[in-house]
Amino acid sequence: MVLDVTAKDPDGKKIFQTSRIYAAQATDSRSTQTALGPDKKLGLIRDTSIQPFAPKEETVEIPLPAEIRDAVIEINLSYRPRPGNVFPIHNVLRKVNLDRTK
């Protein structure tokens, strides 16, 4: 699973972008280096995968220039089993007013 977060100003100029990958991370048990491929994975070192029917809350801090008062935030969650294969799961698009004087 991959979570992509993008922030744009009202003119459509991208001001922030990040991605987070949720998956089990494995090692070959000889080092802390992440191992890829089923023939090399001998032990799980971390599991950040999203579990079925279990809520998961994430916080993303977006540094914005002081002059920005409005932003368009887009969040995409997709399943990507291998490079090039993208299966969209959820998409959220919100216009946010950041006016600190109100």
N, C-alpha and C. Protein backbone atom coordinates (compact mmCIF):
# COMPACT_ATOMS: atom_id res chain seq x y z
N MET A 1 0.84 -1.16 0.00
CA MET A 1 0.00 0.00 0.00
C MET A 1 0.89 1.23 0.00
N VAL A 2 0.47 2.23 -0.76
CA VAL A 2 1.22 3.48 -0.84
C VAL A 2 0.26 4.64 -0.62
N LEU A 3 0.64 5.54 0.27
CA LEU A 3 -0.13 6.75 0.55
C LEU A 3 0.63 7.93 -0.06
N ASP A 4 0.01 8.62 -1.02
CA ASP A 4 0.59 9.79 -1.65
C ASP A 4 -0.17 11.02 -1.17
N VAL A 5 0.56 12.04 -0.71
CA VAL A 5 -0.04 13.29 -0.25
C VAL A 5 0.57 14.43 -1.06
N THR A 6 -0.29 15.25 -1.66
CA THR A 6 0.16 16.38 -2.46
C THR A 6 -0.59 17.63 -2.03
N ALA A 7 0.13 18.74 -1.91
CA ALA A 7 -0.49 20.04 -1.62
C ALA A 7 -0.15 20.99 -2.76
N LYS A 8 -1.17 21.73 -3.22
CA LYS A 8 -0.99 22.71 -4.29
C LYS A 8 -1.59 24.03 -3.85
N ASP A 9 -1.04 25.11 -4.39
CA ASP A 9 -1.64 26.41 -4.13
C ASP A 9 -2.86 26.58 -5.03
N PRO A 10 -3.65 27.63 -4.85
CA PRO A 10 -4.87 27.80 -5.66
C PRO A 10 -4.61 27.88 -7.17
N ASP A 11 -3.38 28.23 -7.57
CA ASP A 11 -3.04 28.30 -9.00
C ASP A 11 -2.63 26.95 -9.56
N GLY A 12 -2.56 25.93 -8.72
CA GLY A 12 -2.20 24.59 -9.18
C GLY A 12 -0.72 24.27 -9.07
N LYS A 13 0.07 25.18 -8.50
CA LYS A 13 1.50 24.94 -8.34
C LYS A 13 1.74 24.03 -7.14
N LYS A 14 2.48 22.94 -7.37
CA LYS A 14 2.76 21.98 -6.31
C LYS A 14 3.71 22.59 -5.28
N ILE A 15 3.30 22.56 -4.01
CA ILE A 15 4.14 23.11 -2.95
C ILE A 15 4.62 22.04 -1.96
N PHE A 16 4.05 20.83 -2.06
CA PHE A 16 4.47 19.74 -1.17
C PHE A 16 4.05 18.41 -1.77
N GLN A 17 4.90 17.40 -1.59
CA GLN A 17 4.54 16.05 -2.02
C GLN A 17 5.34 15.05 -1.20
N THR A 18 4.67 13.99 -0.76
CA THR A 18 5.34 12.92 -0.04
C THR A 18 4.61 11.60 -0.30
N SER A 19 5.30 10.51 -0.07
CA SER A 19 4.72 9.17 -0.19
C SER A 19 5.15 8.35 1.01
N ARG A 20 4.26 7.50 1.47
CA ARG A 20 4.56 6.55 2.54
C ARG A 20 4.19 5.16 2.07
N ILE A 21 5.09 4.22 2.31
CA ILE A 21 4.88 2.84 1.89
C ILE A 21 4.57 2.00 3.11
N TYR A 22 3.51 1.21 3.02
CA TYR A 22 3.08 0.35 4.12
C TYR A 22 3.26 -1.10 3.68
N ALA A 23 4.24 -1.78 4.29
CA ALA A 23 4.52 -3.17 3.94
C ALA A 23 5.36 -3.81 5.03
N ALA A 24 5.37 -5.11 5.03
CA ALA A 24 6.27 -5.82 5.93
C ALA A 24 7.69 -5.71 5.38
N GLN A 25 8.65 -5.45 6.27
CA GLN A 25 10.04 -5.31 5.85
C GLN A 25 10.82 -6.49 6.41
N ALA A 26 11.53 -7.16 5.53
CA ALA A 26 12.23 -8.38 5.92
C ALA A 26 13.73 -8.21 5.75
N THR A 27 14.47 -9.09 6.42
CA THR A 27 15.94 -9.10 6.32
C THR A 27 16.40 -10.54 6.10
N ASP A 28 17.68 -10.66 5.78
CA ASP A 28 18.24 -12.00 5.59
C ASP A 28 18.75 -12.58 6.91
N SER A 29 18.51 -11.92 8.03
CA SER A 29 18.91 -12.33 9.39
C SER A 29 20.41 -12.21 9.64
N ARG A 30 21.16 -11.73 8.67
CA ARG A 30 22.60 -11.54 8.87
C ARG A 30 22.96 -10.06 9.01
N SER A 31 22.04 -9.19 8.61
CA SER A 31 22.29 -7.76 8.69
C SER A 31 20.96 -7.04 8.89
N THR A 32 21.02 -5.72 9.00
CA THR A 32 19.79 -4.94 9.13
C THR A 32 19.31 -4.42 7.78
N GLN A 33 20.02 -4.78 6.72
CA GLN A 33 19.65 -4.37 5.37
C GLN A 33 18.35 -5.07 4.95
N THR A 34 17.41 -4.31 4.40
CA THR A 34 16.15 -4.89 3.94
C THR A 34 16.41 -5.82 2.76
N ALA A 35 15.83 -7.00 2.81
CA ALA A 35 16.00 -8.00 1.74
C ALA A 35 14.78 -8.00 0.84
N LEU A 36 15.01 -8.11 -0.44
CA LEU A 36 13.94 -8.21 -1.42
C LEU A 36 13.97 -9.59 -2.05
N GLY A 37 12.82 -10.14 -2.33
CA GLY A 37 12.74 -11.45 -2.95
C GLY A 37 12.48 -12.53 -1.92
N PRO A 38 11.56 -13.45 -2.23
CA PRO A 38 11.17 -14.48 -1.27
C PRO A 38 12.30 -15.43 -0.90
N ASP A 39 13.31 -15.58 -1.74
CA ASP A 39 14.41 -16.50 -1.44
C ASP A 39 15.39 -15.92 -0.43
N LYS A 40 15.33 -14.60 -0.16
CA LYS A 40 16.27 -13.96 0.76
C LYS A 40 15.62 -13.52 2.07
N LYS A 41 14.31 -13.49 2.13
CA LYS A 41 13.61 -13.02 3.33
C LYS A 41 13.56 -14.12 4.37
N LEU A 42 14.29 -13.91 5.46
CA LEU A 42 14.32 -14.91 6.52
C LEU A 42 13.68 -14.44 7.82
N GLY A 43 13.55 -13.14 8.00
CA GLY A 43 12.96 -12.64 9.23
C GLY A 43 12.39 -11.26 9.06
N LEU A 44 11.22 -11.02 9.67
CA LEU A 44 10.61 -9.70 9.63
C LEU A 44 11.28 -8.78 10.64
N ILE A 45 11.64 -7.57 10.21
CA ILE A 45 12.23 -6.61 11.14
C ILE A 45 11.23 -5.51 11.50
N ARG A 46 10.24 -5.29 10.65
CA ARG A 46 9.25 -4.26 10.92
C ARG A 46 8.04 -4.54 10.02
N ASP A 47 6.87 -4.30 10.57
CA ASP A 47 5.65 -4.47 9.78
C ASP A 47 4.83 -3.19 9.86
N THR A 48 4.84 -2.42 8.80
CA THR A 48 4.06 -1.18 8.75
C THR A 48 2.82 -1.35 7.88
N SER A 49 2.49 -2.58 7.53
CA SER A 49 1.35 -2.81 6.64
C SER A 49 0.04 -2.39 7.30
N ILE A 50 -0.94 -2.08 6.46
CA ILE A 50 -2.27 -1.72 6.94
C ILE A 50 -3.06 -3.01 7.09
N GLN A 51 -3.51 -3.28 8.30
CA GLN A 51 -4.22 -4.52 8.60
C GLN A 51 -5.70 -4.40 8.22
N PRO A 52 -6.31 -5.47 7.75
CA PRO A 52 -7.72 -5.43 7.37
C PRO A 52 -8.62 -5.10 8.56
N PHE A 53 -9.58 -4.25 8.33
CA PHE A 53 -10.60 -3.86 9.31
C PHE A 53 -10.04 -3.20 10.57
N ALA A 54 -8.78 -2.79 10.54
CA ALA A 54 -8.17 -2.10 11.68
C ALA A 54 -7.93 -0.64 11.27
N PRO A 55 -8.46 0.30 12.04
CA PRO A 55 -8.25 1.70 11.68
C PRO A 55 -6.78 2.09 11.83
N LYS A 56 -6.34 2.99 10.96
CA LYS A 56 -4.96 3.49 11.02
C LYS A 56 -5.02 5.00 10.81
N GLU A 57 -4.45 5.72 11.73
CA GLU A 57 -4.46 7.18 11.66
C GLU A 57 -3.05 7.66 11.37
N GLU A 58 -2.92 8.57 10.43
CA GLU A 58 -1.63 9.13 10.05
C GLU A 58 -1.66 10.64 10.18
N THR A 59 -0.53 11.23 10.51
CA THR A 59 -0.38 12.68 10.56
C THR A 59 0.71 13.07 9.59
N VAL A 60 0.39 14.01 8.72
CA VAL A 60 1.37 14.53 7.77
C VAL A 60 1.46 16.03 7.99
N GLU A 61 2.64 16.51 8.34
CA GLU A 61 2.85 17.94 8.53
C GLU A 61 3.36 18.51 7.21
N ILE A 62 2.64 19.51 6.72
CA ILE A 62 2.97 20.12 5.44
C ILE A 62 3.52 21.53 5.68
N PRO A 63 4.80 21.75 5.43
CA PRO A 63 5.35 23.09 5.60
C PRO A 63 4.89 23.98 4.44
N LEU A 64 4.20 25.05 4.76
CA LEU A 64 3.69 25.95 3.74
C LEU A 64 4.34 27.32 3.88
N PRO A 65 4.58 28.00 2.77
CA PRO A 65 5.09 29.37 2.83
C PRO A 65 4.08 30.26 3.56
N ALA A 66 4.57 31.30 4.23
CA ALA A 66 3.71 32.18 5.03
C ALA A 66 2.64 32.87 4.20
N GLU A 67 2.91 33.13 2.94
CA GLU A 67 1.94 33.86 2.11
C GLU A 67 0.79 32.99 1.60
N ILE A 68 0.87 31.69 1.77
CA ILE A 68 -0.19 30.79 1.30
C ILE A 68 -1.36 30.84 2.28
N ARG A 69 -2.55 31.15 1.78
CA ARG A 69 -3.76 31.21 2.60
C ARG A 69 -4.75 30.10 2.25
N ASP A 70 -4.68 29.60 1.03
CA ASP A 70 -5.55 28.51 0.58
C ASP A 70 -4.69 27.43 -0.05
N ALA A 71 -5.07 26.19 0.15
CA ALA A 71 -4.34 25.07 -0.43
C ALA A 71 -5.32 23.99 -0.84
N VAL A 72 -4.91 23.21 -1.81
CA VAL A 72 -5.68 22.05 -2.26
C VAL A 72 -4.86 20.82 -1.87
N ILE A 73 -5.42 19.99 -1.02
CA ILE A 73 -4.73 18.80 -0.53
C ILE A 73 -5.35 17.57 -1.20
N GLU A 74 -4.51 16.74 -1.80
CA GLU A 74 -4.98 15.50 -2.42
C GLU A 74 -4.27 14.33 -1.78
N ILE A 75 -5.05 13.33 -1.37
CA ILE A 75 -4.51 12.14 -0.74
C ILE A 75 -4.99 10.93 -1.53
N ASN A 76 -4.04 10.10 -1.93
CA ASN A 76 -4.35 8.89 -2.69
C ASN A 76 -3.78 7.68 -1.97
N LEU A 77 -4.60 6.66 -1.80
CA LEU A 77 -4.15 5.38 -1.25
C LEU A 77 -4.28 4.35 -2.36
N SER A 78 -3.20 3.65 -2.65
CA SER A 78 -3.25 2.66 -3.73
C SER A 78 -2.47 1.41 -3.34
N TYR A 79 -2.84 0.33 -4.00
CA TYR A 79 -2.14 -0.95 -3.83
C TYR A 79 -1.21 -1.10 -5.02
N ARG A 80 0.08 -1.29 -4.73
CA ARG A 80 1.09 -1.43 -5.79
C ARG A 80 1.91 -2.69 -5.54
N PRO A 81 1.44 -3.83 -6.04
CA PRO A 81 2.15 -5.08 -5.76
C PRO A 81 3.52 -5.16 -6.43
N ARG A 82 3.69 -4.47 -7.55
CA ARG A 82 4.98 -4.44 -8.25
C ARG A 82 5.04 -3.16 -9.07
N PRO A 83 6.23 -2.71 -9.43
CA PRO A 83 6.35 -1.46 -10.19
C PRO A 83 5.51 -1.48 -11.47
N GLY A 84 4.76 -0.42 -11.67
CA GLY A 84 3.92 -0.31 -12.86
C GLY A 84 2.48 -0.74 -12.63
N ASN A 85 2.23 -1.56 -11.62
CA ASN A 85 0.86 -1.98 -11.31
C ASN A 85 0.32 -1.12 -10.18
N VAL A 86 -0.65 -0.27 -10.50
CA VAL A 86 -1.24 0.62 -9.50
C VAL A 86 -2.74 0.36 -9.47
N PHE A 87 -3.25 0.00 -8.30
CA PHE A 87 -4.67 -0.23 -8.12
C PHE A 87 -5.19 0.78 -7.11
N PRO A 88 -5.90 1.84 -7.58
CA PRO A 88 -6.41 2.86 -6.66
C PRO A 88 -7.41 2.29 -5.67
N ILE A 89 -7.31 2.71 -4.41
CA ILE A 89 -8.23 2.27 -3.37
C ILE A 89 -9.09 3.43 -2.88
N HIS A 90 -8.46 4.56 -2.59
CA HIS A 90 -9.21 5.69 -2.05
C HIS A 90 -8.54 6.99 -2.47
N ASN A 91 -9.36 8.02 -2.73
CA ASN A 91 -8.86 9.32 -3.13
C ASN A 91 -9.65 10.39 -2.40
N VAL A 92 -8.96 11.36 -1.80
CA VAL A 92 -9.61 12.47 -1.11
C VAL A 92 -9.01 13.76 -1.63
N LEU A 93 -9.86 14.71 -1.99
CA LEU A 93 -9.43 16.02 -2.46
C LEU A 93 -10.16 17.07 -1.64
N ARG A 94 -9.39 17.93 -0.96
CA ARG A 94 -9.99 18.95 -0.09
C ARG A 94 -9.35 20.31 -0.36
N LYS A 95 -10.20 21.33 -0.37
CA LYS A 95 -9.71 22.71 -0.42
C LYS A 95 -9.70 23.20 1.03
N VAL A 96 -8.56 23.71 1.46
CA VAL A 96 -8.37 24.10 2.86
C VAL A 96 -8.03 25.59 2.93
N ASN A 97 -8.72 26.31 3.82
CA ASN A 97 -8.45 27.70 4.06
C ASN A 97 -7.55 27.80 5.28
N LEU A 98 -6.41 28.44 5.12
CA LEU A 98 -5.41 28.52 6.19
C LEU A 98 -5.30 29.94 6.72
N ASP A 99 -6.32 30.75 6.54
CA ASP A 99 -6.28 32.13 6.98
C ASP A 99 -6.23 32.16 8.51
N ARG A 100 -5.13 32.66 9.05
CA ARG A 100 -4.92 32.66 10.50
C ARG A 100 -5.60 33.83 11.20
N THR A 101 -6.18 34.77 10.42
CA THR A 101 -6.79 35.95 11.02
C THR A 101 -8.25 35.72 11.37
N LYS A 102 -8.85 34.65 10.88
CA LYS A 102 -10.27 34.38 11.13
C LYS A 102 -10.46 33.62 12.41
